[in-house]
C-alpha cells in the first residue's frame, strides 16, 4: 500500500475529534449570525405599514365586512388617513383595537386587511405579521 493510502486509512480519535470541533464551530457561527437577522426581521415587521385602502383605491370607504365601497356609503368608514403600523395591526388582529379608531372602524379595517391579496399594497407586511417568531 502507498504511504498516502496508509495515512488516510489510519485516522485516529484525535483526527475525528478535531473534525467534530471544526464542524461545531461552524454551526455556532451560523447560530450567532442568524439571531441578529431574526431580531432585525421582527423589528421591521413592527415598523412595516399597511395603507387602508391602498393608494390605487384611495377615496373608497371600508364597509364593516372589509370590502371597499363608494365614499359616503352609509355604515362604511373612510380610511384612517395614514398607513397603519404593523405592530398596531398585529395587536388588533389578536383582539385589540387600532389606535384612534372606534371598535367598529377597527373591525372594518382589520377585515379589509385580512382580505389583502398578493400584489396589493400592504400584503407583504400583513403576511409577515402572520409568520410565527421563534
N, C-alpha and C. Protein backbone atom coordinates (compact mmCIF):
# COMPACT_ATOMS: atom_id res chain seq x y z
N UNK A 1 0.83 -1.18 0.00
CA UNK A 1 0.00 0.00 0.00
C UNK A 1 0.88 1.24 0.00
N UNK A 2 0.41 2.33 -0.61
CA UNK A 2 1.20 3.56 -0.64
C UNK A 2 1.14 4.24 0.72
N UNK A 3 2.07 5.21 0.91
CA UNK A 3 2.07 5.93 2.19
C UNK A 3 0.77 6.71 2.37
N UNK A 4 0.29 7.29 1.27
CA UNK A 4 -0.93 8.09 1.36
C UNK A 4 -2.09 7.20 1.75
N UNK A 5 -2.21 6.02 1.16
CA UNK A 5 -3.30 5.09 1.48
C UNK A 5 -3.24 4.67 2.93
N UNK A 6 -2.04 4.42 3.44
CA UNK A 6 -1.92 4.02 4.83
C UNK A 6 -2.31 5.17 5.75
N UNK A 7 -1.92 6.38 5.38
CA UNK A 7 -2.22 7.54 6.21
C UNK A 7 -3.73 7.80 6.27
N UNK A 8 -4.42 7.75 5.12
CA UNK A 8 -5.85 8.02 5.08
C UNK A 8 -6.64 6.96 5.84
N UNK A 9 -6.19 5.72 5.77
CA UNK A 9 -6.92 4.66 6.43
C UNK A 9 -6.63 4.61 7.92
N UNK A 10 -5.69 5.39 8.40
CA UNK A 10 -5.27 5.31 9.78
C UNK A 10 -5.65 6.59 10.54
N UNK A 11 -6.91 6.98 10.46
CA UNK A 11 -7.37 8.17 11.18
C UNK A 11 -7.70 7.77 12.61
N UNK A 12 -7.11 8.45 13.51
CA UNK A 12 -7.30 8.12 14.91
C UNK A 12 -8.36 8.99 15.55
N UNK A 13 -8.59 8.75 16.84
CA UNK A 13 -9.60 9.53 17.56
C UNK A 13 -9.30 11.02 17.59
N UNK A 14 -8.03 11.41 17.59
CA UNK A 14 -7.69 12.83 17.63
C UNK A 14 -8.17 13.54 16.37
N UNK A 15 -8.00 12.88 15.21
CA UNK A 15 -8.46 13.47 13.95
C UNK A 15 -9.97 13.60 13.96
N UNK A 16 -10.67 12.61 14.43
CA UNK A 16 -12.13 12.65 14.48
C UNK A 16 -12.61 13.76 15.40
N UNK A 17 -11.99 13.91 16.55
CA UNK A 17 -12.35 14.99 17.48
C UNK A 17 -12.10 16.36 16.86
N UNK A 18 -10.98 16.49 16.17
CA UNK A 18 -10.64 17.77 15.54
C UNK A 18 -11.71 18.14 14.51
N UNK A 19 -12.13 17.18 13.71
CA UNK A 19 -13.17 17.44 12.71
C UNK A 19 -14.49 17.83 13.38
N UNK A 20 -14.86 17.13 14.43
CA UNK A 20 -16.10 17.44 15.14
C UNK A 20 -16.06 18.85 15.72
N UNK A 21 -14.91 19.23 16.27
CA UNK A 21 -14.77 20.58 16.82
C UNK A 21 -14.89 21.64 15.73
N UNK A 22 -14.30 21.37 14.58
CA UNK A 22 -14.38 22.33 13.47
C UNK A 22 -15.83 22.46 13.00
N UNK A 23 -16.54 21.35 12.87
CA UNK A 23 -17.95 21.41 12.45
C UNK A 23 -18.80 22.12 13.49
N UNK A 24 -18.53 21.87 14.77
CA UNK A 24 -19.26 22.54 15.84
C UNK A 24 -19.05 24.04 15.81
N UNK A 25 -17.82 24.47 15.56
CA UNK A 25 -17.52 25.90 15.49
C UNK A 25 -18.26 26.55 14.33
N UNK A 26 -18.35 25.84 13.22
CA UNK A 26 -19.08 26.36 12.07
C UNK A 26 -20.55 26.52 12.40
N UNK A 27 -21.13 25.52 13.05
CA UNK A 27 -22.54 25.59 13.44
C UNK A 27 -22.82 26.71 14.41
N UNK A 28 -21.94 26.92 15.38
CA UNK A 28 -22.13 28.01 16.35
C UNK A 28 -22.07 29.36 15.65
N UNK A 29 -21.18 29.52 14.69
CA UNK A 29 -21.10 30.78 13.95
C UNK A 29 -22.39 31.04 13.19
N UNK A 30 -22.99 30.00 12.64
CA UNK A 30 -24.25 30.16 11.92
C UNK A 30 -25.35 30.61 12.86
N UNK A 31 -25.43 30.06 14.05
CA UNK A 31 -26.45 30.45 15.01
C UNK A 31 -26.26 31.91 15.42
N UNK A 32 -25.03 32.30 15.67
CA UNK A 32 -24.75 33.67 16.08
C UNK A 32 -25.13 34.65 14.98
N UNK A 33 -24.92 34.29 13.72
CA UNK A 33 -25.24 35.21 12.63
C UNK A 33 -26.73 35.21 12.30
N UNK A 34 -27.47 34.16 12.61
CA UNK A 34 -28.90 34.10 12.31
C UNK A 34 -29.71 34.90 13.33
N UNK A 35 -29.34 34.85 14.59
CA UNK A 35 -30.11 35.54 15.63
C UNK A 35 -30.27 37.03 15.37
N UNK A 36 -29.22 37.77 15.02
CA UNK A 36 -29.42 39.19 14.72
C UNK A 36 -30.35 39.40 13.52
N UNK A 37 -30.29 38.50 12.54
CA UNK A 37 -31.16 38.63 11.38
C UNK A 37 -32.63 38.46 11.80
N UNK A 38 -32.91 37.52 12.70
CA UNK A 38 -34.27 37.34 13.18
C UNK A 38 -34.73 38.56 13.97
N UNK A 39 -33.86 39.12 14.77
CA UNK A 39 -34.22 40.32 15.53
C UNK A 39 -34.52 41.48 14.59
N UNK A 40 -33.72 41.60 13.55
CA UNK A 40 -33.94 42.67 12.58
C UNK A 40 -35.26 42.47 11.86
N UNK A 41 -35.59 41.22 11.50
CA UNK A 41 -36.86 40.93 10.84
C UNK A 41 -38.02 41.29 11.74
N UNK A 42 -37.95 40.91 13.01
CA UNK A 42 -39.02 41.23 13.95
C UNK A 42 -39.20 42.74 14.07
N UNK A 43 -38.10 43.48 14.08
CA UNK A 43 -38.17 44.94 14.17
C UNK A 43 -38.79 45.52 12.92
N UNK A 44 -38.44 44.99 11.75
CA UNK A 44 -39.00 45.54 10.51
C UNK A 44 -40.49 45.24 10.41
N UNK A 45 -40.94 44.11 10.95
CA UNK A 45 -42.37 43.79 10.96
C UNK A 45 -43.11 44.80 11.81
N UNK A 46 -42.53 45.16 12.94
CA UNK A 46 -43.18 46.13 13.82
C UNK A 46 -43.31 47.49 13.16
N UNK A 47 -42.42 47.81 12.22
CA UNK A 47 -42.42 49.13 11.58
C UNK A 47 -42.99 49.13 10.18
N UNK A 48 -43.40 47.99 9.65
CA UNK A 48 -43.99 47.98 8.31
C UNK A 48 -45.36 48.67 8.38
N UNK A 49 -45.88 49.05 7.23
CA UNK A 49 -47.13 49.80 7.19
C UNK A 49 -48.10 49.21 6.19
N UNK A 50 -49.39 49.37 6.51
CA UNK A 50 -50.45 48.89 5.62
C UNK A 50 -51.40 50.06 5.36
N UNK A 51 -51.46 50.51 4.10
CA UNK A 51 -52.41 51.58 3.77
C UNK A 51 -53.83 51.00 3.68
N UNK A 52 -54.80 51.72 4.23
CA UNK A 52 -56.21 51.30 4.18
C UNK A 52 -57.03 52.48 3.69
N UNK A 53 -57.60 52.39 2.50
CA UNK A 53 -57.32 51.39 1.45
C UNK A 53 -56.00 51.71 0.76
N UNK A 54 -55.61 50.83 -0.15
CA UNK A 54 -54.35 51.06 -0.86
C UNK A 54 -54.47 52.27 -1.77
N UNK A 55 -53.34 52.81 -2.19
CA UNK A 55 -53.30 54.07 -2.94
C UNK A 55 -54.14 54.00 -4.22
N UNK A 56 -54.21 52.84 -4.85
CA UNK A 56 -54.98 52.70 -6.09
C UNK A 56 -56.48 52.86 -5.88
N UNK A 57 -56.93 52.73 -4.64
CA UNK A 57 -58.37 52.84 -4.35
C UNK A 57 -58.63 53.88 -3.26
N UNK A 58 -57.69 54.81 -3.12
CA UNK A 58 -57.86 55.88 -2.13
C UNK A 58 -59.16 56.61 -2.41
N UNK A 59 -59.84 57.00 -1.38
CA UNK A 59 -61.12 57.69 -1.53
C UNK A 59 -62.29 56.74 -1.33
N UNK A 60 -62.04 55.43 -1.47
CA UNK A 60 -63.10 54.46 -1.19
C UNK A 60 -63.29 54.36 0.32
N UNK A 61 -64.47 53.95 0.72
CA UNK A 61 -64.75 53.70 2.13
C UNK A 61 -64.60 52.21 2.39
N UNK A 62 -64.48 51.86 3.66
CA UNK A 62 -64.34 50.46 4.05
C UNK A 62 -65.61 50.04 4.78
N UNK A 63 -66.31 49.05 4.21
CA UNK A 63 -67.53 48.53 4.83
C UNK A 63 -67.16 47.65 6.02
N UNK A 64 -68.15 47.34 6.84
CA UNK A 64 -67.92 46.54 8.04
C UNK A 64 -67.28 45.19 7.73
N UNK A 65 -67.60 44.62 6.57
CA UNK A 65 -67.04 43.30 6.22
C UNK A 65 -65.65 43.40 5.58
N UNK A 66 -65.14 44.62 5.45
CA UNK A 66 -63.80 44.81 4.89
C UNK A 66 -63.77 45.07 3.40
N UNK A 67 -64.90 45.05 2.74
CA UNK A 67 -64.91 45.35 1.31
C UNK A 67 -64.86 46.86 1.11
N UNK A 68 -64.40 47.27 -0.05
CA UNK A 68 -64.35 48.69 -0.37
C UNK A 68 -65.63 49.08 -1.09
N UNK A 69 -66.17 50.22 -0.70
CA UNK A 69 -67.43 50.71 -1.26
C UNK A 69 -67.24 52.18 -1.63
N UNK A 70 -68.17 52.74 -2.42
CA UNK A 70 -68.04 54.16 -2.78
C UNK A 70 -68.05 55.06 -1.53
N UNK A 71 -67.31 56.16 -1.63
CA UNK A 71 -67.26 57.08 -0.49
C UNK A 71 -68.67 57.57 -0.18
N UNK A 72 -68.92 57.78 1.11
CA UNK A 72 -70.22 58.25 1.55
C UNK A 72 -71.22 57.14 1.80
N UNK A 73 -70.85 55.88 1.55
CA UNK A 73 -71.77 54.76 1.77
C UNK A 73 -72.13 54.69 3.26
N UNK A 74 -73.41 54.60 3.54
CA UNK A 74 -73.88 54.52 4.92
C UNK A 74 -73.32 53.28 5.61
N UNK A 75 -72.83 53.47 6.83
CA UNK A 75 -72.30 52.36 7.62
C UNK A 75 -70.87 51.99 7.29
N UNK A 76 -70.27 52.68 6.30
CA UNK A 76 -68.87 52.41 5.93
C UNK A 76 -68.01 53.55 6.45
N UNK A 77 -66.71 53.31 6.48
CA UNK A 77 -65.78 54.28 7.07
C UNK A 77 -64.74 54.73 6.07
N UNK A 78 -64.38 56.03 6.13
CA UNK A 78 -63.25 56.48 5.31
C UNK A 78 -61.97 55.85 5.88
N UNK A 79 -60.95 55.75 5.04
CA UNK A 79 -59.67 55.24 5.53
C UNK A 79 -59.15 56.12 6.65
N UNK A 80 -58.22 55.60 7.44
CA UNK A 80 -57.73 56.36 8.59
C UNK A 80 -56.90 57.59 8.23
N UNK A 81 -56.53 57.76 6.96
CA UNK A 81 -55.78 58.94 6.56
C UNK A 81 -54.27 58.76 6.63
N UNK A 82 -53.82 57.65 7.17
CA UNK A 82 -52.39 57.33 7.25
C UNK A 82 -52.26 55.81 7.27
N UNK A 83 -51.14 55.30 6.78
CA UNK A 83 -50.96 53.84 6.83
C UNK A 83 -50.94 53.35 8.28
N UNK A 84 -51.45 52.16 8.48
CA UNK A 84 -51.47 51.56 9.81
C UNK A 84 -50.13 50.87 10.07
N UNK A 85 -49.61 51.00 11.28
CA UNK A 85 -48.34 50.39 11.66
C UNK A 85 -48.52 48.89 11.88
N UNK A 86 -47.53 48.12 11.46
CA UNK A 86 -47.58 46.67 11.60
C UNK A 86 -47.86 46.21 13.01
N UNK A 87 -47.21 46.81 13.99
CA UNK A 87 -47.40 46.40 15.39
C UNK A 87 -48.83 46.66 15.84
N UNK A 88 -49.42 47.79 15.42
CA UNK A 88 -50.81 48.10 15.77
C UNK A 88 -51.76 47.09 15.14
N UNK A 89 -51.50 46.76 13.88
CA UNK A 89 -52.34 45.78 13.18
C UNK A 89 -52.23 44.42 13.85
N UNK A 90 -51.03 44.04 14.21
CA UNK A 90 -50.82 42.74 14.89
C UNK A 90 -51.63 42.68 16.17
N UNK A 91 -51.60 43.74 16.96
CA UNK A 91 -52.37 43.78 18.20
C UNK A 91 -53.87 43.73 17.94
N UNK A 92 -54.32 44.45 16.91
CA UNK A 92 -55.75 44.46 16.58
C UNK A 92 -56.21 43.09 16.10
N UNK A 93 -55.38 42.42 15.31
CA UNK A 93 -55.74 41.09 14.82
C UNK A 93 -55.82 40.08 15.96
N UNK A 94 -55.12 40.36 17.05
CA UNK A 94 -55.12 39.47 18.21
C UNK A 94 -56.26 39.81 19.17
N UNK A 95 -57.14 40.71 18.77
CA UNK A 95 -58.30 41.03 19.61
C UNK A 95 -58.28 42.43 20.18
N UNK A 96 -57.24 43.19 19.91
CA UNK A 96 -57.17 44.57 20.39
C UNK A 96 -57.89 45.51 19.44
N UNK A 97 -57.63 46.78 19.59
CA UNK A 97 -58.26 47.79 18.75
C UNK A 97 -57.18 48.70 18.18
N UNK A 98 -57.34 49.09 16.93
CA UNK A 98 -56.40 50.01 16.31
C UNK A 98 -56.47 51.36 17.00
N UNK A 99 -55.33 51.97 17.27
CA UNK A 99 -55.33 53.28 17.95
C UNK A 99 -56.08 54.33 17.13
N UNK A 100 -56.82 55.18 17.82
CA UNK A 100 -57.51 56.30 17.17
C UNK A 100 -58.74 55.89 16.38
N UNK A 101 -59.25 54.68 16.61
CA UNK A 101 -60.45 54.23 15.89
C UNK A 101 -61.51 53.79 16.89
N UNK A 102 -62.75 53.76 16.42
CA UNK A 102 -63.81 53.16 17.22
C UNK A 102 -63.71 51.64 17.04
N UNK A 103 -64.42 50.91 17.86
CA UNK A 103 -64.41 49.44 17.74
C UNK A 103 -64.91 49.01 16.36
N UNK A 104 -65.94 49.68 15.83
CA UNK A 104 -66.48 49.31 14.52
C UNK A 104 -65.49 49.64 13.39
N UNK A 105 -64.84 50.80 13.48
CA UNK A 105 -63.83 51.14 12.48
C UNK A 105 -62.68 50.14 12.51
N UNK A 106 -62.20 49.84 13.70
CA UNK A 106 -61.08 48.90 13.84
C UNK A 106 -61.43 47.55 13.23
N UNK A 107 -62.64 47.08 13.50
CA UNK A 107 -63.09 45.79 12.95
C UNK A 107 -63.16 45.85 11.42
N UNK A 108 -63.68 46.94 10.88
CA UNK A 108 -63.77 47.08 9.42
C UNK A 108 -62.38 47.10 8.79
N UNK A 109 -61.46 47.86 9.39
CA UNK A 109 -60.09 47.94 8.85
C UNK A 109 -59.38 46.59 8.94
N UNK A 110 -59.52 45.89 10.05
CA UNK A 110 -58.86 44.58 10.16
C UNK A 110 -59.51 43.58 9.21
N UNK A 111 -60.81 43.69 8.98
CA UNK A 111 -61.45 42.81 7.98
C UNK A 111 -60.90 43.10 6.58
N UNK A 112 -60.68 44.38 6.27
CA UNK A 112 -60.06 44.75 4.99
C UNK A 112 -58.67 44.13 4.88
N UNK A 113 -57.88 44.27 5.95
CA UNK A 113 -56.51 43.76 5.94
C UNK A 113 -56.49 42.24 5.75
N UNK A 114 -57.40 41.54 6.39
CA UNK A 114 -57.46 40.08 6.25
C UNK A 114 -57.74 39.65 4.81
N UNK A 115 -58.35 40.53 4.03
CA UNK A 115 -58.69 40.21 2.63
C UNK A 115 -57.59 40.60 1.64
N UNK A 116 -56.51 41.21 2.14
CA UNK A 116 -55.43 41.61 1.23
C UNK A 116 -54.89 40.40 0.48
N UNK A 117 -54.56 40.62 -0.76
CA UNK A 117 -54.02 39.56 -1.60
C UNK A 117 -52.66 39.97 -2.14
N UNK A 118 -51.90 38.99 -2.55
CA UNK A 118 -50.56 39.25 -3.10
C UNK A 118 -50.65 40.28 -4.21
N UNK A 119 -49.75 41.22 -4.19
CA UNK A 119 -49.74 42.28 -5.19
C UNK A 119 -50.42 43.55 -4.71
N UNK A 120 -51.18 43.45 -3.62
CA UNK A 120 -51.85 44.61 -3.05
C UNK A 120 -50.91 45.29 -2.07
N UNK A 121 -50.90 46.60 -2.07
CA UNK A 121 -50.04 47.34 -1.15
C UNK A 121 -50.39 46.96 0.29
N UNK A 122 -49.38 46.60 1.07
CA UNK A 122 -49.59 46.20 2.46
C UNK A 122 -49.64 44.70 2.66
N UNK A 123 -49.77 43.94 1.56
CA UNK A 123 -49.88 42.48 1.70
C UNK A 123 -48.63 41.88 2.34
N UNK A 124 -47.45 42.31 1.91
CA UNK A 124 -46.21 41.74 2.45
C UNK A 124 -46.12 41.99 3.95
N UNK A 125 -46.50 43.16 4.38
CA UNK A 125 -46.50 43.47 5.81
C UNK A 125 -47.47 42.55 6.53
N UNK A 126 -48.69 42.43 6.01
CA UNK A 126 -49.70 41.56 6.63
C UNK A 126 -49.22 40.12 6.69
N UNK A 127 -48.63 39.63 5.60
CA UNK A 127 -48.14 38.25 5.57
C UNK A 127 -47.05 38.04 6.61
N UNK A 128 -46.19 39.03 6.77
CA UNK A 128 -45.10 38.89 7.75
C UNK A 128 -45.64 38.88 9.17
N UNK A 129 -46.76 39.54 9.41
CA UNK A 129 -47.36 39.52 10.74
C UNK A 129 -47.92 38.15 11.10
N UNK A 130 -48.22 37.36 10.06
CA UNK A 130 -48.78 36.02 10.28
C UNK A 130 -47.73 34.97 10.59
N UNK A 131 -46.45 35.29 10.30
CA UNK A 131 -45.38 34.32 10.49
C UNK A 131 -45.02 34.21 11.96
N UNK A 132 -44.92 32.98 12.46
CA UNK A 132 -44.52 32.82 13.86
C UNK A 132 -43.07 33.24 14.06
N UNK A 133 -42.79 33.83 15.17
CA UNK A 133 -41.42 34.24 15.50
C UNK A 133 -40.87 33.29 16.54
N UNK A 134 -39.59 32.88 16.37
CA UNK A 134 -39.02 31.95 17.32
C UNK A 134 -37.90 32.44 18.01
